[in-house]
């Protein structure tokens, strides 16, 4: 079953650590979000394969925006 990786708060994507097709484990760091001048690691909520990446480096995200899909 697919699960979305969402932004916990408004911020800017400064790094994407995976690509489509990569296998990840639960709690692996998949991206880095900069918010309020702090970098926040974004982690995989489940183990699986990255099916879709909906953001790019430099993009601003809103709270709860879907950043990627892991299946």
Protein backbone atom coordinates (compact mmCIF):
# COMPACT_ATOMS: atom_id res chain seq x y z
CA UNK A 1 0.00 0.00 0.00
CA UNK A 2 1.38 3.42 -0.97
CA UNK A 3 2.00 6.08 1.62
CA UNK A 4 2.60 9.79 1.11
CA UNK A 5 5.58 11.64 2.55
CA UNK A 6 4.28 15.09 3.53
CA UNK A 7 5.88 18.36 4.57
CA UNK A 8 5.54 18.92 8.34
CA UNK A 9 5.58 22.72 7.92
CA UNK A 10 6.08 25.49 5.39
CA UNK A 11 9.65 25.51 4.11
CA UNK A 12 12.01 25.15 1.16
CA UNK A 13 13.41 21.87 -0.17
CA UNK A 14 17.21 22.05 0.08
CA UNK A 15 18.06 18.40 -0.72
CA UNK A 16 16.41 15.27 -2.08
CA UNK A 17 18.31 12.17 -0.99
CA UNK A 18 16.47 9.55 -3.09
CA UNK A 19 15.28 9.02 -6.64
CA UNK A 20 12.35 7.13 -8.12
CA UNK A 21 12.95 3.40 -7.83
CA UNK A 22 15.16 3.61 -4.72
CA UNK A 23 14.39 1.19 -1.89
CA UNK A 24 14.13 2.88 1.52
CA UNK A 25 13.69 1.66 5.07
CA UNK A 26 11.32 3.22 7.58
CA UNK A 27 12.96 6.33 9.12
CA UNK A 28 15.57 6.68 6.31
CA UNK A 29 16.19 10.33 5.46
CA UNK A 30 14.63 11.05 2.05
CA UNK A 31 14.79 14.86 1.88
CA UNK A 32 15.83 17.98 3.79
CA UNK A 33 13.46 20.90 4.39
CA UNK A 34 14.68 24.33 5.50
CA UNK A 35 12.24 26.17 7.74
CA UNK A 36 12.87 29.12 10.07
CA UNK A 37 16.60 28.98 9.18
CA UNK A 38 16.86 25.37 10.42
CA UNK A 39 17.32 22.23 8.34
CA UNK A 40 14.83 19.49 9.11
CA UNK A 41 15.34 15.91 7.87
CA UNK A 42 12.28 14.36 6.24
CA UNK A 43 12.13 10.60 6.83
CA UNK A 44 10.32 7.70 5.18
CA UNK A 45 7.15 6.75 7.10
CA UNK A 46 7.36 3.15 5.82
CA UNK A 47 9.83 0.77 4.19
CA UNK A 48 9.32 0.40 0.46
CA UNK A 49 10.20 1.77 -2.97
CA UNK A 50 10.03 5.44 -3.97
CA UNK A 51 7.30 5.56 -6.64
CA UNK A 52 6.96 9.29 -7.20
CA UNK A 53 8.76 12.51 -6.26
CA UNK A 54 6.55 15.59 -6.47
CA UNK A 55 9.03 18.28 -5.36
CA UNK A 56 12.37 19.64 -6.53
CA UNK A 57 15.29 21.36 -4.82
CA UNK A 58 14.52 25.03 -4.24
CA UNK A 59 10.76 24.53 -4.23
CA UNK A 60 8.68 25.97 -1.38
CA UNK A 61 6.32 23.52 0.30
CA UNK A 62 3.15 24.17 2.25
CA UNK A 63 2.24 22.26 5.42
CA UNK A 64 0.98 18.73 4.60
CA UNK A 65 1.93 19.03 0.92
CA UNK A 66 2.72 15.62 -0.59
CA UNK A 67 6.44 15.54 -1.34
CA UNK A 68 6.78 11.93 -2.50
CA UNK A 69 5.02 8.58 -2.57
CA UNK A 70 6.51 5.36 -1.19
CA UNK A 71 4.94 1.99 -1.94
